PDB file of all heavy atoms in Angstrom:
ATOM      1  N   PHE A   1    -130.992   7.807-206.466  1.00  0.00           N
ATOM      2  CA  PHE A   1    -130.674   6.689-205.573  1.00  0.00           C
ATOM      3  C   PHE A   1    -130.762   7.082-204.104  1.00  0.00           C
ATOM      4  O   PHE A   1    -130.519   8.232-203.727  1.00  0.00           O
ATOM      5  CB  PHE A   1    -129.259   6.164-205.867  1.00  0.00           C
ATOM      6  CG  PHE A   1    -129.127   5.459-207.179  1.00  0.00           C
ATOM      7  CD1 PHE A   1    -128.674   6.150-208.297  1.00  0.00           C
ATOM      8  CD2 PHE A   1    -129.478   4.128-207.313  1.00  0.00           C
ATOM      9  CE1 PHE A   1    -128.555   5.508-209.521  1.00  0.00           C
ATOM     10  CE2 PHE A   1    -129.357   3.475-208.528  1.00  0.00           C
ATOM     11  CZ  PHE A   1    -128.897   4.170-209.638  1.00  0.00           C
ATOM     12  N   GLU A   2    -131.083   6.066-203.292  1.00  0.00           N
ATOM     13  CA  GLU A   2    -131.136   6.217-201.846  1.00  0.00           C
ATOM     14  C   GLU A   2    -130.444   5.010-201.221  1.00  0.00           C
ATOM     15  O   GLU A   2    -130.749   3.863-201.579  1.00  0.00           O
ATOM     16  CB  GLU A   2    -132.588   6.294-201.381  1.00  0.00           C
ATOM     17  CG  GLU A   2    -132.766   6.440-199.888  1.00  0.00           C
ATOM     18  CD  GLU A   2    -134.230   6.527-199.511  1.00  0.00           C
ATOM     19  OE1 GLU A   2    -134.864   5.468-199.330  1.00  0.00           O
ATOM     20  OE2 GLU A   2    -134.744   7.671-199.420  1.00  0.00           O
ATOM     21  N   LEU A   3    -129.512   5.269-200.311  1.00  0.00           N
ATOM     22  CA  LEU A   3    -128.751   4.209-199.656  1.00  0.00           C
ATOM     23  C   LEU A   3    -129.161   4.146-198.193  1.00  0.00           C
ATOM     24  O   LEU A   3    -128.867   5.047-197.418  1.00  0.00           O
ATOM     25  CB  LEU A   3    -127.247   4.490-199.779  1.00  0.00           C
ATOM     26  CG  LEU A   3    -126.288   3.418-199.254  1.00  0.00           C
ATOM     27  CD1 LEU A   3    -126.397   2.135-200.073  1.00  0.00           C
ATOM     28  CD2 LEU A   3    -124.850   3.941-199.280  1.00  0.00           C
ATOM     29  N   ASP A   4    -129.863   3.085-197.832  1.00  0.00           N
ATOM     30  CA  ASP A   4    -130.415   2.923-196.485  1.00  0.00           C
ATOM     31  C   ASP A   4    -129.603   1.850-195.753  1.00  0.00           C
ATOM     32  O   ASP A   4    -129.841   0.652-195.919  1.00  0.00           O
ATOM     33  CB  ASP A   4    -131.886   2.526-196.572  1.00  0.00           C
ATOM     34  CG  ASP A   4    -132.566   2.517-195.204  1.00  0.00           C
ATOM     35  OD1 ASP A   4    -131.862   2.457-194.185  1.00  0.00           O
ATOM     36  OD2 ASP A   4    -133.811   2.549-195.167  1.00  0.00           O
ATOM     37  N   SER A   5    -128.639   2.271-194.931  1.00  0.00           N
ATOM     38  CA  SER A   5    -127.780   1.317-194.233  1.00  0.00           C
ATOM     39  C   SER A   5    -128.543   0.528-193.182  1.00  0.00           C
ATOM     40  O   SER A   5    -128.235  -0.641-192.933  1.00  0.00           O
ATOM     41  CB  SER A   5    -126.602   2.048-193.579  1.00  0.00           C
ATOM     42  OG  SER A   5    -125.744   2.586-194.569  1.00  0.00           O
ATOM     43  N   ALA A   6    -129.505   1.161-192.523  1.00  0.00           N
ATOM     44  CA  ALA A   6    -130.248   0.472-191.458  1.00  0.00           C
ATOM     45  C   ALA A   6    -130.986  -0.747-192.000  1.00  0.00           C
ATOM     46  O   ALA A   6    -131.056  -1.787-191.343  1.00  0.00           O
ATOM     47  CB  ALA A   6    -131.233   1.439-190.803  1.00  0.00           C
ATOM     48  N   ARG A   7    -131.527  -0.620-193.204  1.00  0.00           N
ATOM     49  CA  ARG A   7    -132.269  -1.744-193.811  1.00  0.00           C
ATOM     50  C   ARG A   7    -131.450  -2.482-194.861  1.00  0.00           C
ATOM     51  O   ARG A   7    -131.967  -3.384-195.524  1.00  0.00           O
ATOM     52  CB  ARG A   7    -133.576  -1.229-194.430  1.00  0.00           C
ATOM     53  CG  ARG A   7    -134.570  -0.706-193.408  1.00  0.00           C
ATOM     54  CD  ARG A   7    -135.921  -0.465-194.033  1.00  0.00           C
ATOM     55  NE  ARG A   7    -135.897   0.626-194.997  1.00  0.00           N
ATOM     56  CZ  ARG A   7    -136.891   0.901-195.851  1.00  0.00           C
ATOM     57  NH1 ARG A   7    -137.964   0.138-195.874  1.00  0.00           N
ATOM     58  NH2 ARG A   7    -136.794   1.930-196.676  1.00  0.00           N
ATOM     59  N   ARG A   8    -130.161  -2.101-194.998  1.00  0.00           N
ATOM     60  CA  ARG A   8    -129.273  -2.736-195.987  1.00  0.00           C
ATOM     61  C   ARG A   8    -129.934  -2.714-197.356  1.00  0.00           C
ATOM     62  O   ARG A   8    -130.051  -3.732-198.043  1.00  0.00           O
ATOM     63  CB  ARG A   8    -128.937  -4.172-195.591  1.00  0.00           C
ATOM     64  CG  ARG A   8    -128.486  -4.371-194.168  1.00  0.00           C
ATOM     65  CD  ARG A   8    -127.194  -3.665-193.862  1.00  0.00           C
ATOM     66  NE  ARG A   8    -126.058  -4.224-194.583  1.00  0.00           N
ATOM     67  CZ  ARG A   8    -124.819  -3.721-194.524  1.00  0.00           C
ATOM     68  NH1 ARG A   8    -124.587  -2.620-193.830  1.00  0.00           N
ATOM     69  NH2 ARG A   8    -123.847  -4.283-195.187  1.00  0.00           N
ATOM     70  N   ARG A   9    -130.340  -1.524-197.819  1.00  0.00           N
ATOM     71  CA  ARG A   9    -131.153  -1.410-199.032  1.00  0.00           C
ATOM     72  C   ARG A   9    -130.658  -0.270-199.907  1.00  0.00           C
ATOM     73  O   ARG A   9    -130.454   0.851-199.439  1.00  0.00           O
ATOM     74  CB  ARG A   9    -132.619  -1.187-198.654  1.00  0.00           C
ATOM     75  CG  ARG A   9    -133.602  -1.115-199.798  1.00  0.00           C
ATOM     76  CD  ARG A   9    -135.008  -1.004-199.235  1.00  0.00           C
ATOM     77  NE  ARG A   9    -136.021  -1.024-200.285  1.00  0.00           N
ATOM     78  CZ  ARG A   9    -136.523   0.069-200.876  1.00  0.00           C
ATOM     79  NH1 ARG A   9    -136.097   1.279-200.494  1.00  0.00           N
ATOM     80  NH2 ARG A   9    -137.435  -0.039-201.817  1.00  0.00           N
ATOM     81  N   LEU A  10    -130.450  -0.560-201.194  1.00  0.00           N
ATOM     82  CA  LEU A  10    -130.183   0.454-202.209  1.00  0.00           C
ATOM     83  C   LEU A  10    -131.403   0.520-203.113  1.00  0.00           C
ATOM     84  O   LEU A  10    -131.887  -0.512-203.592  1.00  0.00           O
ATOM     85  CB  LEU A  10    -128.948   0.082-203.038  1.00  0.00           C
ATOM     86  CG  LEU A  10    -128.668   0.967-204.265  1.00  0.00           C
ATOM     87  CD1 LEU A  10    -128.243   2.367-203.848  1.00  0.00           C
ATOM     88  CD2 LEU A  10    -127.611   0.329-205.166  1.00  0.00           C
ATOM     89  N   ALA A  11    -131.908   1.730-203.334  1.00  0.00           N
ATOM     90  CA  ALA A  11    -133.107   1.878-204.161  1.00  0.00           C
ATOM     91  C   ALA A  11    -132.907   2.986-205.181  1.00  0.00           C
ATOM     92  O   ALA A  11    -132.226   3.980-204.915  1.00  0.00           O
ATOM     93  CB  ALA A  11    -134.330   2.182-203.295  1.00  0.00           C
ATOM     94  N   ARG A  12    -133.511   2.795-206.351  1.00  0.00           N
ATOM     95  CA  ARG A  12    -133.556   3.840-207.373  1.00  0.00           C
ATOM     96  C   ARG A  12    -135.016   4.185-207.611  1.00  0.00           C
ATOM     97  O   ARG A  12    -135.811   3.320-207.983  1.00  0.00           O
ATOM     98  CB  ARG A  12    -132.907   3.385-208.676  1.00  0.00           C
ATOM     99  CG  ARG A  12    -133.079   4.434-209.781  1.00  0.00           C
ATOM    100  CD  ARG A  12    -132.269   4.155-211.010  1.00  0.00           C
ATOM    101  NE  ARG A  12    -132.482   5.225-211.974  1.00  0.00           N
ATOM    102  CZ  ARG A  12    -131.599   5.641-212.875  1.00  0.00           C
ATOM    103  NH1 ARG A  12    -130.411   5.063-212.938  1.00  0.00           N
ATOM    104  NH2 ARG A  12    -131.883   6.614-213.709  1.00  0.00           N
ATOM    105  N   ASP A  13    -135.372   5.446-207.368  1.00  0.00           N
ATOM    106  CA  ASP A  13    -136.766   5.894-207.507  1.00  0.00           C
ATOM    107  C   ASP A  13    -137.711   4.971-206.745  1.00  0.00           C
ATOM    108  O   ASP A  13    -138.817   4.648-207.199  1.00  0.00           O
ATOM    109  CB  ASP A  13    -137.162   5.973-208.980  1.00  0.00           C
ATOM    110  CG  ASP A  13    -136.371   7.027-209.743  1.00  0.00           C
ATOM    111  OD1 ASP A  13    -136.071   8.075-209.146  1.00  0.00           O
ATOM    112  OD2 ASP A  13    -136.034   6.786-210.919  1.00  0.00           O
ATOM    113  N   GLY A  14    -137.261   4.513-205.576  1.00  0.00           N
ATOM    114  CA  GLY A  14    -138.097   3.682-204.723  1.00  0.00           C
ATOM    115  C   GLY A  14    -138.032   2.197-204.999  1.00  0.00           C
ATOM    116  O   GLY A  14    -138.506   1.393-204.195  1.00  0.00           O
ATOM    117  N   ALA A  15    -137.460   1.797-206.147  1.00  0.00           N
ATOM    118  CA  ALA A  15    -137.367   0.378-206.505  1.00  0.00           C
ATOM    119  C   ALA A  15    -136.019  -0.171-206.047  1.00  0.00           C
ATOM    120  O   ALA A  15    -134.965   0.393-206.363  1.00  0.00           O
ATOM    121  CB  ALA A  15    -137.529   0.197-208.010  1.00  0.00           C
ATOM    122  N   GLU A  16    -136.036  -1.282-205.326  1.00  0.00           N
ATOM    123  CA  GLU A  16    -134.815  -1.833-204.761  1.00  0.00           C
ATOM    124  C   GLU A  16    -133.885  -2.367-205.839  1.00  0.00           C
ATOM    125  O   GLU A  16    -134.314  -2.994-206.802  1.00  0.00           O
ATOM    126  CB  GLU A  16    -135.147  -2.941-203.767  1.00  0.00           C
ATOM    127  CG  GLU A  16    -133.938  -3.485-203.029  1.00  0.00           C
ATOM    128  CD  GLU A  16    -134.302  -4.382-201.878  1.00  0.00           C
ATOM    129  OE1 GLU A  16    -135.511  -4.553-201.606  1.00  0.00           O
ATOM    130  OE2 GLU A  16    -133.381  -4.924-201.239  1.00  0.00           O
ATOM    131  N   ARG A  17    -132.587  -2.122-205.652  1.00  0.00           N
ATOM    132  CA  ARG A  17    -131.540  -2.667-206.508  1.00  0.00           C
ATOM    133  C   ARG A  17    -130.744  -3.689-205.687  1.00  0.00           C
ATOM    134  O   ARG A  17    -130.287  -3.375-204.590  1.00  0.00           O
ATOM    135  CB  ARG A  17    -130.612  -1.561-207.019  1.00  0.00           C
ATOM    136  CG  ARG A  17    -131.268  -0.586-208.001  1.00  0.00           C
ATOM    137  CD  ARG A  17    -131.577  -1.310-209.304  1.00  0.00           C
ATOM    138  NE  ARG A  17    -132.218  -0.480-210.288  1.00  0.00           N
ATOM    139  CZ  ARG A  17    -131.558   0.199-211.236  1.00  0.00           C
ATOM    140  NH1 ARG A  17    -130.230   0.146-211.293  1.00  0.00           N
ATOM    141  NH2 ARG A  17    -132.206   0.925-212.112  1.00  0.00           N
ATOM    142  N   HIS A  18    -130.577  -4.874-206.234  1.00  0.00           N
ATOM    143  CA  HIS A  18    -129.910  -5.933-205.486  1.00  0.00           C
ATOM    144  C   HIS A  18    -128.399  -5.724-205.446  1.00  0.00           C
ATOM    145  O   HIS A  18    -127.771  -5.416-206.452  1.00  0.00           O
ATOM    146  CB  HIS A  18    -130.200  -7.296-206.100  1.00  0.00           C
ATOM    147  CG  HIS A  18    -129.444  -8.417-205.443  1.00  0.00           C
ATOM    148  ND1 HIS A  18    -129.755  -8.882-204.186  1.00  0.00           N
ATOM    149  CD2 HIS A  18    -128.355  -9.128-205.857  1.00  0.00           C
ATOM    150  CE1 HIS A  18    -128.916  -9.843-203.854  1.00  0.00           C
ATOM    151  NE2 HIS A  18    -128.050 -10.010-204.843  1.00  0.00           N
ATOM    152  N   LEU A  19    -127.830  -5.896-204.247  1.00  0.00           N
ATOM    153  CA  LEU A  19    -126.391  -5.940-204.053  1.00  0.00           C
ATOM    154  C   LEU A  19    -126.087  -7.038-203.046  1.00  0.00           C
ATOM    155  O   LEU A  19    -126.806  -7.199-202.059  1.00  0.00           O
ATOM    156  CB  LEU A  19    -125.857  -4.611-203.499  1.00  0.00           C
ATOM    157  CG  LEU A  19    -125.663  -3.443-204.461  1.00  0.00           C
ATOM    158  CD1 LEU A  19    -125.255  -2.202-203.674  1.00  0.00           C
ATOM    159  CD2 LEU A  19    -124.604  -3.767-205.510  1.00  0.00           C
ATOM    160  N   THR A  20    -125.034  -7.798-203.289  1.00  0.00           N
ATOM    161  CA  THR A  20    -124.591  -8.762-202.289  1.00  0.00           C
ATOM    162  C   THR A  20    -124.102  -7.998-201.058  1.00  0.00           C
ATOM    163  O   THR A  20    -123.765  -6.806-201.151  1.00  0.00           O
ATOM    164  CB  THR A  20    -123.458  -9.642-202.832  1.00  0.00           C
ATOM    165  OG1 THR A  20    -122.345  -8.804-203.188  1.00  0.00           O
ATOM    166  CG2 THR A  20    -123.909 -10.442-204.046  1.00  0.00           C
ATOM    167  N   PRO A  21    -124.064  -8.630-199.886  1.00  0.00           N
ATOM    168  CA  PRO A  21    -123.653  -7.913-198.664  1.00  0.00           C
ATOM    169  C   PRO A  21    -122.301  -7.227-198.786  1.00  0.00           C
ATOM    170  O   PRO A  21    -122.113  -6.099-198.325  1.00  0.00           O
ATOM    171  CB  PRO A  21    -123.633  -9.017-197.602  1.00  0.00           C
ATOM    172  CG  PRO A  21    -124.652 -10.004-198.077  1.00  0.00           C
ATOM    173  CD  PRO A  21    -124.531 -10.001-199.577  1.00  0.00           C
ATOM    174  N   LYS A  22    -121.337  -7.884-199.416  1.00  0.00           N
ATOM    175  CA  LYS A  22    -120.004  -7.302-199.503  1.00  0.00           C
ATOM    176  C   LYS A  22    -119.981  -6.111-200.471  1.00  0.00           C
ATOM    177  O   LYS A  22    -119.297  -5.105-200.215  1.00  0.00           O
ATOM    178  CB  LYS A  22    -119.001  -8.362-199.938  1.00  0.00           C
ATOM    179  CG  LYS A  22    -117.560  -7.996-199.691  1.00  0.00           C
ATOM    180  CD  LYS A  22    -117.229  -7.815-198.221  1.00  0.00           C
ATOM    181  CE  LYS A  22    -117.239  -9.093-197.449  1.00  0.00           C
ATOM    182  NZ  LYS A  22    -116.776  -8.899-196.052  1.00  0.00           N
ATOM    183  N   ALA A  23    -120.745  -6.177-201.562  1.00  0.00           N
ATOM    184  CA  ALA A  23    -120.822  -5.048-202.488  1.00  0.00           C
ATOM    185  C   ALA A  23    -121.526  -3.867-201.826  1.00  0.00           C
ATOM    186  O   ALA A  23    -121.142  -2.707-202.033  1.00  0.00           O
ATOM    187  CB  ALA A  23    -121.552  -5.469-203.765  1.00  0.00           C
ATOM    188  N   PHE A  24    -122.553  -4.161-201.032  1.00  0.00           N
ATOM    189  CA  PHE A  24    -123.243  -3.090-200.301  1.00  0.00           C
ATOM    190  C   PHE A  24    -122.271  -2.407-199.346  1.00  0.00           C
ATOM    191  O   PHE A  24    -122.240  -1.173-199.238  1.00  0.00           O
ATOM    192  CB  PHE A  24    -124.431  -3.667-199.542  1.00  0.00           C
ATOM    193  CG  PHE A  24    -125.336  -2.620-198.949  1.00  0.00           C
ATOM    194  CD1 PHE A  24    -126.447  -2.162-199.633  1.00  0.00           C
ATOM    195  CD2 PHE A  24    -125.063  -2.072-197.700  1.00  0.00           C
ATOM    196  CE1 PHE A  24    -127.275  -1.180-199.098  1.00  0.00           C
ATOM    197  CE2 PHE A  24    -125.882  -1.085-197.155  1.00  0.00           C
ATOM    198  CZ  PHE A  24    -126.993  -0.647-197.857  1.00  0.00           C
ATOM    199  N   GLN A  25    -121.449  -3.196-198.657  1.00  0.00           N
ATOM    200  CA  GLN A  25    -120.468  -2.637-197.733  1.00  0.00           C
ATOM    201  C   GLN A  25    -119.466  -1.758-198.475  1.00  0.00           C
ATOM    202  O   GLN A  25    -119.089  -0.684-197.991  1.00  0.00           O
ATOM    203  CB  GLN A  25    -119.747  -3.758-196.991  1.00  0.00           C
ATOM    204  CG  GLN A  25    -118.775  -3.263-195.927  1.00  0.00           C
ATOM    205  CD  GLN A  25    -118.022  -4.399-195.265  1.00  0.00           C
ATOM    206  OE1 GLN A  25    -118.233  -5.575-195.560  1.00  0.00           O
ATOM    207  NE2 GLN A  25    -117.128  -4.057-194.360  1.00  0.00           N
ATOM    208  N   LEU A  26    -119.031  -2.188-199.659  1.00  0.00           N
ATOM    209  CA  LEU A  26    -118.109  -1.383-200.456  1.00  0.00           C
ATOM    210  C   LEU A  26    -118.738  -0.044-200.809  1.00  0.00           C
ATOM    211  O   LEU A  26    -118.094   1.012-200.679  1.00  0.00           O
ATOM    212  CB  LEU A  26    -117.724  -2.128-201.734  1.00  0.00           C
ATOM    213  CG  LEU A  26    -116.936  -1.320-202.773  1.00  0.00           C
ATOM    214  CD1 LEU A  26    -115.591  -0.853-202.203  1.00  0.00           C
ATOM    215  CD2 LEU A  26    -116.720  -2.132-204.042  1.00  0.00           C
ATOM    216  N   LEU A  27    -119.998  -0.061-201.241  1.00  0.00           N
ATOM    217  CA  LEU A  27    -120.670   1.187-201.583  1.00  0.00           C
ATOM    218  C   LEU A  27    -120.784   2.093-200.365  1.00  0.00           C
ATOM    219  O   LEU A  27    -120.559   3.305-200.462  1.00  0.00           O
ATOM    220  CB  LEU A  27    -122.054   0.888-202.167  1.00  0.00           C
ATOM    221  CG  LEU A  27    -122.896   2.109-202.580  1.00  0.00           C
ATOM    222  CD1 LEU A  27    -122.149   2.975-203.591  1.00  0.00           C
ATOM    223  CD2 LEU A  27    -124.234   1.661-203.144  1.00  0.00           C
ATOM    224  N   GLU A  28    -121.106   1.529-199.212  1.00  0.00           N
ATOM    225  CA  GLU A  28    -121.170   2.328-197.986  1.00  0.00           C
ATOM    226  C   GLU A  28    -119.828   3.011-197.699  1.00  0.00           C
ATOM    227  O   GLU A  28    -119.788   4.201-197.344  1.00  0.00           O
ATOM    228  CB  GLU A  28    -121.520   1.434-196.801  1.00  0.00           C
ATOM    229  CG  GLU A  28    -122.981   1.051-196.685  1.00  0.00           C
ATOM    230  CD  GLU A  28    -123.233   0.258-195.414  1.00  0.00           C
ATOM    231  OE1 GLU A  28    -122.513  -0.732-195.175  1.00  0.00           O
ATOM    232  OE2 GLU A  28    -124.149   0.635-194.660  1.00  0.00           O
ATOM    233  N   ILE A  29    -118.744   2.265-197.835  1.00  0.00           N
ATOM    234  CA  ILE A  29    -117.412   2.823-197.555  1.00  0.00           C
ATOM    235  C   ILE A  29    -117.096   3.972-198.503  1.00  0.00           C
ATOM    236  O   ILE A  29    -116.630   5.041-198.085  1.00  0.00           O
ATOM    237  CB  ILE A  29    -116.342   1.713-197.674  1.00  0.00           C
ATOM    238  CG1 ILE A  29    -116.511   0.678-196.557  1.00  0.00           C
ATOM    239  CG2 ILE A  29    -114.928   2.313-197.628  1.00  0.00           C
ATOM    240  CD1 ILE A  29    -115.659  -0.563-196.750  1.00  0.00           C
ATOM    241  N   LEU A  30    -117.354   3.765-199.791  1.00  0.00           N
ATOM    242  CA  LEU A  30    -117.031   4.798-200.778  1.00  0.00           C
ATOM    243  C   LEU A  30    -117.888   6.044-200.589  1.00  0.00           C
ATOM    244  O   LEU A  30    -117.393   7.175-200.700  1.00  0.00           O
ATOM    245  CB  LEU A  30    -117.214   4.231-202.192  1.00  0.00           C
ATOM    246  CG  LEU A  30    -116.251   3.113-202.600  1.00  0.00           C
ATOM    247  CD1 LEU A  30    -116.591   2.601-203.991  1.00  0.00           C
ATOM    248  CD2 LEU A  30    -114.798   3.592-202.551  1.00  0.00           C
ATOM    249  N   VAL A  31    -119.192   5.855-200.302  1.00  0.00           N
ATOM    250  CA  VAL A  31    -120.085   6.999-200.097  1.00  0.00           C
ATOM    251  C   VAL A  31    -119.669   7.780-198.852  1.00  0.00           C
ATOM    252  O   VAL A  31    -119.615   9.014-198.858  1.00  0.00           O
ATOM    253  CB  VAL A  31    -121.546   6.529-199.995  1.00  0.00           C
ATOM    254  CG1 VAL A  31    -122.449   7.665-199.501  1.00  0.00           C
ATOM    255  CG2 VAL A  31    -122.048   6.035-201.355  1.00  0.00           C
ATOM    256  N   ALA A  32    -119.357   7.066-197.760  1.00  0.00           N
ATOM    257  CA  ALA A  32    -118.972   7.739-196.519  1.00  0.00           C
ATOM    258  C   ALA A  32    -117.667   8.518-196.673  1.00  0.00           C
ATOM    259  O   ALA A  32    -117.471   9.548-196.029  1.00  0.00           O
ATOM    260  CB  ALA A  32    -118.845   6.715-195.397  1.00  0.00           C
ATOM    261  N   ALA A  33    -116.781   8.032-197.541  1.00  0.00           N
ATOM    262  CA  ALA A  33    -115.478   8.675-197.730  1.00  0.00           C
ATOM    263  C   ALA A  33    -115.490   9.760-198.798  1.00  0.00           C
ATOM    264  O   ALA A  33    -114.519  10.515-198.915  1.00  0.00           O
ATOM    265  CB  ALA A  33    -114.420   7.631-198.096  1.00  0.00           C
ATOM    266  N   ALA A  34    -116.541   9.825-199.613  1.00  0.00           N
ATOM    267  CA  ALA A  34    -116.591  10.740-200.762  1.00  0.00           C
ATOM    268  C   ALA A  34    -116.282  12.179-200.339  1.00  0.00           C
ATOM    269  O   ALA A  34    -116.699  12.630-199.272  1.00  0.00           O
ATOM    270  CB  ALA A  34    -117.966  10.666-201.404  1.00  0.00           C
ATOM    271  N   PRO A  35    -115.509  12.888-201.181  1.00  0.00           N
ATOM    272  CA  PRO A  35    -114.960  12.504-202.496  1.00  0.00           C
ATOM    273  C   PRO A  35    -113.545  11.915-202.426  1.00  0.00           C
ATOM    274  O   PRO A  35    -112.873  11.818-203.433  1.00  0.00           O
ATOM    275  CB  PRO A  35    -114.946  13.830-203.251  1.00  0.00           C
ATOM    276  CG  PRO A  35    -114.621  14.837-202.171  1.00  0.00           C
ATOM    277  CD  PRO A  35    -115.294  14.329-200.916  1.00  0.00           C
ATOM    278  N   ARG A  36    -113.112  11.544-201.241  1.00  0.00           N
ATOM    279  CA  ARG A  36    -111.755  11.019-201.069  1.00  0.00           C
ATOM    280  C   ARG A  36    -111.552   9.728-201.858  1.00  0.00           C
ATOM    281  O   ARG A  36    -112.452   8.894-201.935  1.00  0.00           O
ATOM    282  CB  ARG A  36    -111.491  10.738-199.579  1.00  0.00           C
ATOM    283  CG  ARG A  36    -110.135  10.128-199.282  1.00  0.00           C
ATOM    284  CD  ARG A  36    -109.900  10.043-197.772  1.00  0.00           C
ATOM    285  NE  ARG A  36    -110.727   9.037-197.134  1.00  0.00           N
ATOM    286  CZ  ARG A  36    -110.376   7.766-196.965  1.00  0.00           C
ATOM    287  NH1 ARG A  36    -109.209   7.341-197.447  1.00  0.00           N
ATOM    288  NH2 ARG A  36    -111.172   6.925-196.340  1.00  0.00           N
ATOM    289  N   VAL A  37    -110.361   9.580-202.422  1.00  0.00           N
ATOM    290  CA  VAL A  37    -109.981   8.318-203.049  1.00  0.00           C
ATOM    291  C   VAL A  37    -109.614   7.331-201.939  1.00  0.00           C
ATOM    292  O   VAL A  37    -108.736   7.610-201.123  1.00  0.00           O
ATOM    293  CB  VAL A  37    -108.792   8.501-204.007  1.00  0.00           C
ATOM    294  CG1 VAL A  37    -108.357   7.155-204.588  1.00  0.00           C
ATOM    295  CG2 VAL A  37    -109.146   9.475-205.131  1.00  0.00           C
ATOM    296  N   VAL A  38    -110.297   6.198-201.912  1.00  0.00           N
ATOM    297  CA  VAL A  38    -110.026   5.188-200.888  1.00  0.00           C
ATOM    298  C   VAL A  38    -109.012   4.207-201.465  1.00  0.00           C
ATOM    299  O   VAL A  38    -109.301   3.522-202.454  1.00  0.00           O
ATOM    300  CB  VAL A  38    -111.307   4.450-200.474  1.00  0.00           C
ATOM    301  CG1 VAL A  38    -111.005   3.476-199.331  1.00  0.00           C
ATOM    302  CG2 VAL A  38    -112.399   5.430-200.067  1.00  0.00           C
TER     303      VAL A  38
END
C-alpha cells in the first residue's frame, strides 16, 4: 500500500482503493501516530 495525502489517494500495487474523505482522514491520523494507540 501507498498513502498519498497530497492527492488524497490510497493505492495497492498502484491500483486505487476507494475511501470516503473522513475514512481517509482517519487512516492518515492512525498512520501518522503509529504505533501509538490513538
